[in-house]
């Protein structure tokens, strides 16, 4: 079972050379190198050139590298794709996706510049129209790998007021997760903007995990540890999963069709969940070991 950890996914402005350099040492699962919201219009072209050089230079190790390009309806989007799509990034993130046709346009833009046919796309789910069409959007292309909740833009468009528990966003967040699961995709929760509100950030992480998200997008390195902890299996979950897999294997070897562990009936769906959790734990350990060696 191949699983890539995406517990912590940090946005970094492509215009910030110091941030790009520091990113090579951070204990983060993935980096979104951003040419869109984090870069001023007058700095777009210089940021694109700087980002291309940073990717060519390498040094990011096993961290997943995702480039967020500008929207294809802007004067920068197609040039971003042309300059960056064939440099070895792990995925291209397209913003402001509102329909299956927007997904098709993103794939066509990659094909038009000769990007690798295996290069995945990620999309931002950040408008009410996108949320309302999420099922069709999530199934629009086999190139699509991940849905990223854009909670800041979505909150604005919904006119949802900030509130504990993100009550105004719960329906949209759940729809994103449901669409991701229906189509075999990963889903990432949105950012927490208040860097001084650690308790609120950790509460959002716990809520996102409980809703089913695979990880959280971040705006500062200080948030990495909290996200990594929240979206990783804990020791008790790992031990329980090992016990489930072992008990199931023992029951099957004995020709039994059912399995009971600590008084609870174990079915195949529990075994599949346990195997996935153990695969995620192993992937996390492997990534941590690779980052430690690189350091």
C-alpha atoms as a PDB file:
ATOM      1  CA  UNK A   1       0.000   0.000   0.000  1.00  0.00           C
ATOM      2  CA  UNK A   2       1.664   3.189  -1.243  1.00  0.00           C
ATOM      3  CA  UNK A   3       0.861   6.216   0.901  1.00  0.00           C
ATOM      4  CA  UNK A   4       2.531   9.597   0.899  1.00  0.00           C
ATOM      5  CA  UNK A   5       2.283  11.555   4.152  1.00  0.00           C
ATOM      6  CA  UNK A   6       0.685  14.957   3.736  1.00  0.00           C
ATOM      7  CA  UNK A   7       0.202  15.879   7.387  1.00  0.00           C
ATOM      8  CA  UNK A   8       1.911  19.259   7.070  1.00  0.00           C
ATOM      9  CA  UNK A   9       1.814  21.214   3.811  1.00  0.00           C
ATOM     10  CA  UNK A  10       3.487  24.622   4.051  1.00  0.00           C
ATOM     11  CA  UNK A  11       2.784  27.531   1.721  1.00  0.00           C
ATOM     12  CA  UNK A  12       5.900  29.520   0.849  1.00  0.00           C
ATOM     13  CA  UNK A  13       6.007  32.632  -1.358  1.00  0.00           C
ATOM     14  CA  UNK A  14       8.142  31.976  -4.415  1.00  0.00           C
ATOM     15  CA  UNK A  15       9.349  35.559  -4.193  1.00  0.00           C
ATOM     16  CA  UNK A  16      11.106  34.944  -0.852  1.00  0.00           C
ATOM     17  CA  UNK A  17      14.564  33.500  -1.538  1.00  0.00           C
ATOM     18  CA  UNK A  18      15.346  33.097   2.155  1.00  0.00           C
ATOM     19  CA  UNK A  19      12.162  31.099   2.730  1.00  0.00           C
ATOM     20  CA  UNK A  20      12.927  28.835  -0.230  1.00  0.00           C
ATOM     21  CA  UNK A  21      16.368  28.137   1.200  1.00  0.00           C
ATOM     22  CA  UNK A  22      15.059  27.445   4.708  1.00  0.00           C
ATOM     23  CA  UNK A  23      12.425  25.089   3.305  1.00  0.00           C
ATOM     24  CA  UNK A  24      15.143  22.576   2.492  1.00  0.00           C
ATOM     25  CA  UNK A  25      15.649  21.968   6.227  1.00  0.00           C
ATOM     26  CA  UNK A  26      12.101  21.993   7.602  1.00  0.00           C
ATOM     27  CA  UNK A  27      10.471  18.789   8.977  1.00  0.00           C
ATOM     28  CA  UNK A  28       7.484  19.240   6.689  1.00  0.00           C
ATOM     29  CA  UNK A  29       5.803  16.643   4.498  1.00  0.00           C
ATOM     30  CA  UNK A  30       5.129  18.920   1.545  1.00  0.00           C
ATOM     31  CA  UNK A  31       5.761  22.448   0.313  1.00  0.00           C
ATOM     32  CA  UNK A  32       3.438  24.561  -1.803  1.00  0.00           C
ATOM     33  CA  UNK A  33       5.725  27.039  -3.553  1.00  0.00           C
ATOM     34  CA  UNK A  34       3.300  29.825  -4.273  1.00  0.00           C
ATOM     35  CA  UNK A  35       3.156  32.170  -7.232  1.00  0.00           C
ATOM     36  CA  UNK A  36      -0.438  33.227  -6.652  1.00  0.00           C
ATOM     37  CA  UNK A  37      -1.775  34.913  -3.507  1.00  0.00           C
ATOM     38  CA  UNK A  38       1.589  35.224  -1.761  1.00  0.00           C
ATOM     39  CA  UNK A  39       3.238  37.193  -4.590  1.00  0.00           C
ATOM     40  CA  UNK A  40       2.445  40.793  -5.521  1.00  0.00           C
ATOM     41  CA  UNK A  41       1.551  41.445  -9.180  1.00  0.00           C
ATOM     42  CA  UNK A  42       4.725  43.415  -9.853  1.00  0.00           C
ATOM     43  CA  UNK A  43       6.838  40.540  -8.488  1.00  0.00           C
ATOM     44  CA  UNK A  44       5.192  37.668 -10.373  1.00  0.00           C
ATOM     45  CA  UNK A  45       7.703  37.296 -13.201  1.00  0.00           C
ATOM     46  CA  UNK A  46      10.770  37.634 -10.980  1.00  0.00           C
ATOM     47  CA  UNK A  47       9.283  35.112  -8.549  1.00  0.00           C
ATOM     48  CA  UNK A  48       8.689  32.662 -11.387  1.00  0.00           C
ATOM     49  CA  UNK A  49      12.330  32.897 -12.470  1.00  0.00           C
ATOM     50  CA  UNK A  50      13.565  32.531  -8.897  1.00  0.00           C
ATOM     51  CA  UNK A  51      11.335  29.526  -8.295  1.00  0.00           C
ATOM     52  CA  UNK A  52      12.568  27.813 -11.453  1.00  0.00           C
ATOM     53  CA  UNK A  53      16.160  28.224 -10.286  1.00  0.00           C
ATOM     54  CA  UNK A  54      15.321  26.919  -6.811  1.00  0.00           C
ATOM     55  CA  UNK A  55      13.714  23.773  -8.209  1.00  0.00           C
ATOM     56  CA  UNK A  56      16.594  23.196 -10.606  1.00  0.00           C
ATOM     57  CA  UNK A  57      19.032  23.542  -7.690  1.00  0.00           C
ATOM     58  CA  UNK A  58      17.213  20.826  -5.756  1.00  0.00           C
ATOM     59  CA  UNK A  59      18.063  20.042  -2.177  1.00  0.00           C
ATOM     60  CA  UNK A  60      14.464  19.602  -1.018  1.00  0.00           C
ATOM     61  CA  UNK A  61      15.042  15.935  -0.236  1.00  0.00           C
ATOM     62  CA  UNK A  62      11.975  13.743   0.121  1.00  0.00           C
ATOM     63  CA  UNK A  63       9.667  16.688   0.737  1.00  0.00           C
ATOM     64  CA  UNK A  64       6.849  16.796  -1.801  1.00  0.00           C
ATOM     65  CA  UNK A  65       7.158  19.890  -3.986  1.00  0.00           C
ATOM     66  CA  UNK A  66       3.950  21.431  -5.314  1.00  0.00           C
ATOM     67  CA  UNK A  67       3.844  24.630  -7.370  1.00  0.00           C
ATOM     68  CA  UNK A  68       0.778  26.837  -7.079  1.00  0.00           C
ATOM     69  CA  UNK A  69       0.524  28.707 -10.345  1.00  0.00           C
ATOM     70  CA  UNK A  70      -1.602  31.740 -11.023  1.00  0.00           C
ATOM     71  CA  UNK A  71      -5.055  31.161 -12.444  1.00  0.00           C
ATOM     72  CA  UNK A  72      -5.191  30.361 -16.127  1.00  0.00           C
ATOM     73  CA  UNK A  73      -7.526  33.315 -16.602  1.00  0.00           C
ATOM     74  CA  UNK A  74      -4.772  35.730 -15.506  1.00  0.00           C
ATOM     75  CA  UNK A  75      -1.920  37.114 -17.580  1.00  0.00           C
ATOM     76  CA  UNK A  76       0.584  34.954 -15.661  1.00  0.00           C
ATOM     77  CA  UNK A  77      -1.030  31.514 -15.445  1.00  0.00           C
ATOM     78  CA  UNK A  78      -0.051  29.975 -18.780  1.00  0.00           C
ATOM     79  CA  UNK A  79       3.471  31.393 -18.537  1.00  0.00           C
ATOM     80  CA  UNK A  80       3.811  29.850 -15.056  1.00  0.00           C
ATOM     81  CA  UNK A  81       2.825  26.466 -16.451  1.00  0.00           C
ATOM     82  CA  UNK A  82       5.155  26.765 -19.433  1.00  0.00           C
ATOM     83  CA  UNK A  83       8.138  27.723 -17.281  1.00  0.00           C
ATOM     84  CA  UNK A  84       7.688  25.306 -14.401  1.00  0.00           C
ATOM     85  CA  UNK A  85       5.670  22.226 -15.322  1.00  0.00           C
ATOM     86  CA  UNK A  86       8.606  20.193 -16.608  1.00  0.00           C
ATOM     87  CA  UNK A  87      11.174  20.969 -13.903  1.00  0.00           C
ATOM     88  CA  UNK A  88      10.484  17.969 -11.692  1.00  0.00           C
ATOM     89  CA  UNK A  89       7.889  19.210  -9.207  1.00  0.00           C
ATOM     90  CA  UNK A  90       5.627  16.542  -7.732  1.00  0.00           C
ATOM     91  CA  UNK A  91       2.405  18.348  -8.674  1.00  0.00           C
ATOM     92  CA  UNK A  92       0.953  21.601  -9.991  1.00  0.00           C
ATOM     93  CA  UNK A  93      -1.734  23.291  -7.888  1.00  0.00           C
ATOM     94  CA  UNK A  94      -4.361  25.257  -9.802  1.00  0.00           C
ATOM     95  CA  UNK A  95      -6.389  27.931  -7.976  1.00  0.00           C
ATOM     96  CA  UNK A  96      -9.978  29.128  -8.380  1.00  0.00           C
ATOM     97  CA  UNK A  97     -11.272  25.890  -9.890  1.00  0.00           C
ATOM     98  CA  UNK A  98     -15.040  26.143 -10.303  1.00  0.00           C
ATOM     99  CA  UNK A  99     -16.080  23.393 -12.719  1.00  0.00           C
ATOM    100  CA  UNK A 100     -14.972  20.161 -14.412  1.00  0.00           C
ATOM    101  CA  UNK A 101     -14.151  22.293 -17.450  1.00  0.00           C
ATOM    102  CA  UNK A 102     -11.608  24.200 -15.349  1.00  0.00           C
ATOM    103  CA  UNK A 103      -9.929  20.900 -14.490  1.00  0.00           C
ATOM    104  CA  UNK A 104      -9.884  19.956 -18.170  1.00  0.00           C
ATOM    105  CA  UNK A 105      -8.325  23.331 -18.980  1.00  0.00           C
ATOM    106  CA  UNK A 106      -5.602  22.752 -16.388  1.00  0.00           C
ATOM    107  CA  UNK A 107      -4.735  19.380 -17.892  1.00  0.00           C
ATOM    108  CA  UNK A 108      -4.793  20.856 -21.384  1.00  0.00           C
ATOM    109  CA  UNK A 109      -2.415  23.627 -20.296  1.00  0.00           C
ATOM    110  CA  UNK A 110       0.045  21.022 -19.033  1.00  0.00           C
ATOM    111  CA  UNK A 111      -0.259  18.951 -22.196  1.00  0.00           C
ATOM    112  CA  UNK A 112       0.244  22.022 -24.372  1.00  0.00           C
ATOM    113  CA  UNK A 113       3.714  22.656 -22.928  1.00  0.00           C
ATOM    114  CA  UNK A 114       4.808  19.019 -22.971  1.00  0.00           C
ATOM    115  CA  UNK A 115       4.589  18.412 -19.240  1.00  0.00           C
ATOM    116  CA  UNK A 116       5.026  14.764 -18.190  1.00  0.00           C
ATOM    117  CA  UNK A 117       1.790  12.847 -18.671  1.00  0.00           C
ATOM    118  CA  UNK A 118       2.225  11.471 -15.156  1.00  0.00           C
ATOM    119  CA  UNK A 119       2.456  14.899 -13.503  1.00  0.00           C
ATOM    120  CA  UNK A 120      -0.487  15.130 -11.069  1.00  0.00           C
ATOM    121  CA  UNK A 121      -2.595  18.200 -10.526  1.00  0.00           C
ATOM    122  CA  UNK A 122      -3.980  19.520  -7.261  1.00  0.00           C
ATOM    123  CA  UNK A 123      -6.836  21.989  -7.137  1.00  0.00           C
ATOM    124  CA  UNK A 124      -7.997  24.664  -4.723  1.00  0.00           C
ATOM    125  CA  UNK A 125     -11.571  24.227  -3.491  1.00  0.00           C
ATOM    126  CA  UNK A 126     -12.210  27.812  -2.473  1.00  0.00           C
ATOM    127  CA  UNK A 127     -15.472  29.104  -3.922  1.00  0.00           C
ATOM    128  CA  UNK A 128     -19.136  28.265  -3.258  1.00  0.00           C
ATOM    129  CA  UNK A 129     -19.562  27.243  -6.892  1.00  0.00           C
ATOM    130  CA  UNK A 130     -16.697  24.793  -6.563  1.00  0.00           C
ATOM    131  CA  UNK A 131     -18.177  23.264  -3.419  1.00  0.00           C
ATOM    132  CA  UNK A 132     -21.586  22.895  -5.054  1.00  0.00           C
ATOM    133  CA  UNK A 133     -20.017  20.997  -7.967  1.00  0.00           C
ATOM    134  CA  UNK A 134     -17.423  19.119  -5.961  1.00  0.00           C
ATOM    135  CA  UNK A 135     -18.358  15.587  -7.011  1.00  0.00           C
ATOM    136  CA  UNK A 136     -18.119  16.317 -10.743  1.00  0.00           C
ATOM    137  CA  UNK A 137     -14.945  18.340 -10.252  1.00  0.00           C
ATOM    138  CA  UNK A 138     -13.241  15.625  -8.200  1.00  0.00           C
ATOM    139  CA  UNK A 139     -14.005  13.072 -10.904  1.00  0.00           C
ATOM    140  CA  UNK A 140     -13.028  15.257 -13.858  1.00  0.00           C
ATOM    141  CA  UNK A 141      -9.550  13.826 -14.518  1.00  0.00           C
ATOM    142  CA  UNK A 142      -7.382  10.876 -13.509  1.00  0.00           C
ATOM    143  CA  UNK A 143      -4.538  13.397 -13.196  1.00  0.00           C
ATOM    144  CA  UNK A 144      -6.238  14.925 -10.166  1.00  0.00           C
ATOM    145  CA  UNK A 145      -4.616  13.788  -6.914  1.00  0.00           C
ATOM    146  CA  UNK A 146      -5.544  16.185  -4.132  1.00  0.00           C
ATOM    147  CA  UNK A 147      -8.221  18.694  -3.107  1.00  0.00           C
ATOM    148  CA  UNK A 148      -6.999  21.673  -1.078  1.00  0.00           C
ATOM    149  CA  UNK A 149      -9.508  23.614   0.984  1.00  0.00           C
ATOM    150  CA  UNK A 150      -9.096  27.347   0.474  1.00  0.00           C
ATOM    151  CA  UNK A 151     -10.877  28.371   3.645  1.00  0.00           C
ATOM    152  CA  UNK A 152      -9.901  32.043   3.603  1.00  0.00           C
ATOM    153  CA  UNK A 153     -11.459  32.755   0.206  1.00  0.00           C
ATOM    154  CA  UNK A 154     -14.358  30.444   0.940  1.00  0.00           C
ATOM    155  CA  UNK A 155     -15.154  32.187   4.239  1.00  0.00           C
ATOM    156  CA  UNK A 156     -15.165  35.540   2.502  1.00  0.00           C
ATOM    157  CA  UNK A 157     -17.433  34.395  -0.299  1.00  0.00           C
ATOM    158  CA  UNK A 158     -19.807  32.693   2.122  1.00  0.00           C
ATOM    159  CA  UNK A 159     -19.791  35.742   4.401  1.00  0.00           C
ATOM    160  CA  UNK A 160     -19.163  33.279   7.217  1.00  0.00           C
ATOM    161  CA  UNK A 161     -18.091  34.972  10.415  1.00  0.00           C
ATOM    162  CA  UNK A 162     -15.080  33.666  12.341  1.00  0.00           C
ATOM    163  CA  UNK A 163     -16.362  31.420  15.109  1.00  0.00           C
ATOM    164  CA  UNK A 164     -15.048  28.656  17.347  1.00  0.00           C
ATOM    165  CA  UNK A 165     -15.398  25.318  15.641  1.00  0.00           C
ATOM    166  CA  UNK A 166     -15.550  26.939  12.185  1.00  0.00           C
ATOM    167  CA  UNK A 167     -19.307  26.404  12.162  1.00  0.00           C
ATOM    168  CA  UNK A 168     -19.766  28.352   8.930  1.00  0.00           C
ATOM    169  CA  UNK A 169     -17.379  26.069   7.048  1.00  0.00           C
ATOM    170  CA  UNK A 170     -18.291  22.620   8.352  1.00  0.00           C
ATOM    171  CA  UNK A 171     -20.617  21.711   5.494  1.00  0.00           C
ATOM    172  CA  UNK A 172     -18.115  22.777   2.839  1.00  0.00           C
ATOM    173  CA  UNK A 173     -15.241  20.986   4.539  1.00  0.00           C
ATOM    174  CA  UNK A 174     -17.242  17.777   4.774  1.00  0.00           C
ATOM    175  CA  UNK A 175     -18.210  18.001   1.103  1.00  0.00           C
ATOM    176  CA  UNK A 176     -14.538  18.312   0.148  1.00  0.00           C
ATOM    177  CA  UNK A 177     -13.650  15.208   2.152  1.00  0.00           C
ATOM    178  CA  UNK A 178     -16.603  13.234   0.783  1.00  0.00           C
ATOM    179  CA  UNK A 179     -15.699  14.104  -2.801  1.00  0.00           C
ATOM    180  CA  UNK A 180     -12.065  13.180  -2.180  1.00  0.00           C
ATOM    181  CA  UNK A 181     -12.984   9.803  -0.739  1.00  0.00           C
ATOM    182  CA  UNK A 182     -15.535   9.104  -3.481  1.00  0.00           C
ATOM    183  CA  UNK A 183     -12.824   9.549  -6.105  1.00  0.00           C
ATOM    184  CA  UNK A 184      -9.783   8.171  -4.299  1.00  0.00           C
ATOM    185  CA  UNK A 185      -8.099  11.547  -3.712  1.00  0.00           C
ATOM    186  CA  UNK A 186      -6.354  13.144  -0.764  1.00  0.00           C
ATOM    187  CA  UNK A 187      -7.846  16.188   0.954  1.00  0.00           C
ATOM    188  CA  UNK A 188      -6.053  18.974   2.808  1.00  0.00           C
ATOM    189  CA  UNK A 189      -7.638  21.301   5.343  1.00  0.00           C
ATOM    190  CA  UNK A 190      -7.275  25.070   5.028  1.00  0.00           C
ATOM    191  CA  UNK A 191      -4.915  27.414   6.841  1.00  0.00           C
ATOM    192  CA  UNK A 192      -5.173  28.916  10.330  1.00  0.00           C
ATOM    193  CA  UNK A 193      -4.246  32.568   9.980  1.00  0.00           C
ATOM    194  CA  UNK A 194      -3.683  33.630  13.612  1.00  0.00           C
ATOM    195  CA  UNK A 195      -0.110  32.667  14.459  1.00  0.00           C
ATOM    196  CA  UNK A 196      -0.611  33.739  18.077  1.00  0.00           C
ATOM    197  CA  UNK A 197      -3.577  31.423  18.559  1.00  0.00           C
ATOM    198  CA  UNK A 198      -1.872  28.074  19.114  1.00  0.00           C
ATOM    199  CA  UNK A 199      -4.850  26.594  20.954  1.00  0.00           C
ATOM    200  CA  UNK A 200      -7.146  27.510  18.084  1.00  0.00           C
ATOM    201  CA  UNK A 201      -4.717  26.095  15.546  1.00  0.00           C
ATOM    202  CA  UNK A 202      -4.467  22.779  17.386  1.00  0.00           C
ATOM    203  CA  UNK A 203      -8.254  22.657  17.706  1.00  0.00           C
ATOM    204  CA  UNK A 204      -8.570  23.176  13.952  1.00  0.00           C
ATOM    205  CA  UNK A 205      -6.047  20.375  13.360  1.00  0.00           C
ATOM    206  CA  UNK A 206      -8.016  18.006  15.573  1.00  0.00           C
ATOM    207  CA  UNK A 207     -11.261  18.974  13.887  1.00  0.00           C
ATOM    208  CA  UNK A 208      -9.767  18.525  10.407  1.00  0.00           C
ATOM    209  CA  UNK A 209      -8.415  15.117  11.354  1.00  0.00           C
ATOM    210  CA  UNK A 210     -11.786  14.069  12.774  1.00  0.00           C
ATOM    211  CA  UNK A 211     -13.546  15.253   9.610  1.00  0.00           C
ATOM    212  CA  UNK A 212     -11.265  12.972   7.586  1.00  0.00           C
ATOM    213  CA  UNK A 213      -8.658  15.307   6.105  1.00  0.00           C
ATOM    214  CA  UNK A 214      -5.211  13.862   5.404  1.00  0.00           C
ATOM    215  CA  UNK A 215      -3.356  16.940   6.610  1.00  0.00           C
ATOM    216  CA  UNK A 216      -3.397  20.705   6.977  1.00  0.00           C
ATOM    217  CA  UNK A 217      -2.047  23.556   4.911  1.00  0.00           C
ATOM    218  CA  UNK A 218       0.154  25.928   6.899  1.00  0.00           C
ATOM    219  CA  UNK A 219       1.419  29.501   6.666  1.00  0.00           C
ATOM    220  CA  UNK A 220       4.398  29.370   9.058  1.00  0.00           C
ATOM    221  CA  UNK A 221       7.037  26.813  10.090  1.00  0.00           C
ATOM    222  CA  UNK A 222       5.940  27.137  13.740  1.00  0.00           C
ATOM    223  CA  UNK A 223       2.763  25.257  12.776  1.00  0.00           C
ATOM    224  CA  UNK A 224       4.543  22.192  11.385  1.00  0.00           C
ATOM    225  CA  UNK A 225       4.980  20.232  14.612  1.00  0.00           C
ATOM    226  CA  UNK A 226       1.333  20.577  15.604  1.00  0.00           C
ATOM    227  CA  UNK A 227       0.076  19.407  12.223  1.00  0.00           C
ATOM    228  CA  UNK A 228       2.529  16.525  12.085  1.00  0.00           C
ATOM    229  CA  UNK A 229       1.372  15.307  15.489  1.00  0.00           C
ATOM    230  CA  UNK A 230      -2.335  15.752  14.811  1.00  0.00           C
ATOM    231  CA  UNK A 231      -2.442  13.898  11.505  1.00  0.00           C
ATOM    232  CA  UNK A 232      -0.079  11.061  12.421  1.00  0.00           C
ATOM    233  CA  UNK A 233      -1.240   7.797  14.008  1.00  0.00           C
ATOM    234  CA  UNK A 234      -0.506   7.759  17.720  1.00  0.00           C
ATOM    235  CA  UNK A 235       1.189   4.865  19.503  1.00  0.00           C
ATOM    236  CA  UNK A 236      -2.074   3.382  20.760  1.00  0.00           C
ATOM    237  CA  UNK A 237      -3.559   3.412  17.260  1.00  0.00           C
ATOM    238  CA  UNK A 238      -0.479   1.742  15.824  1.00  0.00           C
ATOM    239  CA  UNK A 239      -0.496  -1.005  18.452  1.00  0.00           C
ATOM    240  CA  UNK A 240      -4.220  -1.590  18.014  1.00  0.00           C
ATOM    241  CA  UNK A 241      -3.804  -1.819  14.246  1.00  0.00           C
ATOM    242  CA  UNK A 242      -1.008  -4.343  14.602  1.00  0.00           C
ATOM    243  CA  UNK A 243      -3.205  -6.430  16.885  1.00  0.00           C
ATOM    244  CA  UNK A 244      -6.107  -6.309  14.420  1.00  0.00           C
ATOM    245  CA  UNK A 245      -3.948  -7.406  11.479  1.00  0.00           C
ATOM    246  CA  UNK A 246      -2.354 -10.210  13.489  1.00  0.00           C
ATOM    247  CA  UNK A 247      -5.662 -11.490  14.855  1.00  0.00           C
ATOM    248  CA  UNK A 248      -7.227 -11.449  11.403  1.00  0.00           C
ATOM    249  CA  UNK A 249      -4.294 -13.323   9.897  1.00  0.00           C
ATOM    250  CA  UNK A 250      -4.507 -15.924  12.671  1.00  0.00           C
ATOM    251  CA  UNK A 251      -8.237 -16.376  12.138  1.00  0.00           C
ATOM    252  CA  UNK A 252      -7.850 -16.769   8.383  1.00  0.00           C
ATOM    253  CA  UNK A 253      -5.019 -19.290   8.832  1.00  0.00           C
ATOM    254  CA  UNK A 254      -7.333 -21.312  11.073  1.00  0.00           C
ATOM    255  CA  UNK A 255     -10.050 -21.236   8.422  1.00  0.00           C
ATOM    256  CA  UNK A 256     -12.320 -18.945  10.420  1.00  0.00           C
ATOM    257  CA  UNK A 257     -14.523 -16.437   8.685  1.00  0.00           C
ATOM    258  CA  UNK A 258     -14.831 -14.119  11.653  1.00  0.00           C
ATOM    259  CA  UNK A 259     -12.436 -12.721  14.216  1.00  0.00           C
ATOM    260  CA  UNK A 260     -12.974 -11.373  17.712  1.00  0.00           C
ATOM    261  CA  UNK A 261     -10.380  -9.178  19.408  1.00  0.00           C
ATOM    262  CA  UNK A 262     -10.866  -8.032  22.999  1.00  0.00           C
ATOM    263  CA  UNK A 263     -14.535  -8.813  22.751  1.00  0.00           C
ATOM    264  CA  UNK A 264     -15.068  -6.864  19.523  1.00  0.00           C
ATOM    265  CA  UNK A 265     -15.959  -8.351  16.171  1.00  0.00           C
ATOM    266  CA  UNK A 266     -13.310  -7.670  13.525  1.00  0.00           C
ATOM    267  CA  UNK A 267     -14.414  -7.441   9.906  1.00  0.00           C
ATOM    268  CA  UNK A 268     -12.483  -6.930   6.695  1.00  0.00           C
ATOM    269  CA  UNK A 269     -13.174  -3.181   6.729  1.00  0.00           C
ATOM    270  CA  UNK A 270     -11.426  -2.907  10.106  1.00  0.00           C
ATOM    271  CA  UNK A 271      -8.445  -4.786   8.715  1.00  0.00           C
ATOM    272  CA  UNK A 272      -8.232  -2.497   5.697  1.00  0.00           C
ATOM    273  CA  UNK A 273      -8.292   0.563   7.967  1.00  0.00           C
ATOM    274  CA  UNK A 274      -5.597  -0.963  10.175  1.00  0.00           C
ATOM    275  CA  UNK A 275      -3.381  -1.789   7.212  1.00  0.00           C
ATOM    276  CA  UNK A 276      -3.720   1.740   5.866  1.00  0.00           C
ATOM    277  CA  UNK A 277      -2.847   3.249   9.233  1.00  0.00           C
ATOM    278  CA  UNK A 278       0.247   1.046   9.530  1.00  0.00           C
ATOM    279  CA  UNK A 279       1.314   1.940   5.988  1.00  0.00           C
ATOM    280  CA  UNK A 280       0.945   5.644   6.840  1.00  0.00           C
ATOM    281  CA  UNK A 281       2.975   5.191  10.010  1.00  0.00           C
ATOM    282  CA  UNK A 282       5.745   3.422   8.081  1.00  0.00           C
ATOM    283  CA  UNK A 283       5.765   6.154   5.430  1.00  0.00           C
ATOM    284  CA  UNK A 284       6.042   8.827   8.126  1.00  0.00           C
ATOM    285  CA  UNK A 285       8.947   7.027   9.770  1.00  0.00           C
ATOM    286  CA  UNK A 286      10.713   6.628   6.424  1.00  0.00           C
ATOM    287  CA  UNK A 287      10.279  10.318   5.610  1.00  0.00           C
ATOM    288  CA  UNK A 288      11.586  11.356   9.039  1.00  0.00           C
ATOM    289  CA  UNK A 289      14.603   9.099   8.634  1.00  0.00           C
ATOM    290  CA  UNK A 290      15.374  10.519   5.183  1.00  0.00           C
ATOM    291  CA  UNK A 291      15.130  14.073   6.470  1.00  0.00           C
ATOM    292  CA  UNK A 292      17.408  13.266   9.405  1.00  0.00           C
ATOM    293  CA  UNK A 293      20.047  11.779   7.097  1.00  0.00           C
ATOM    294  CA  UNK A 294      19.843  14.814   4.812  1.00  0.00           C
ATOM    295  CA  UNK A 295      20.292  17.135   7.785  1.00  0.00           C
END
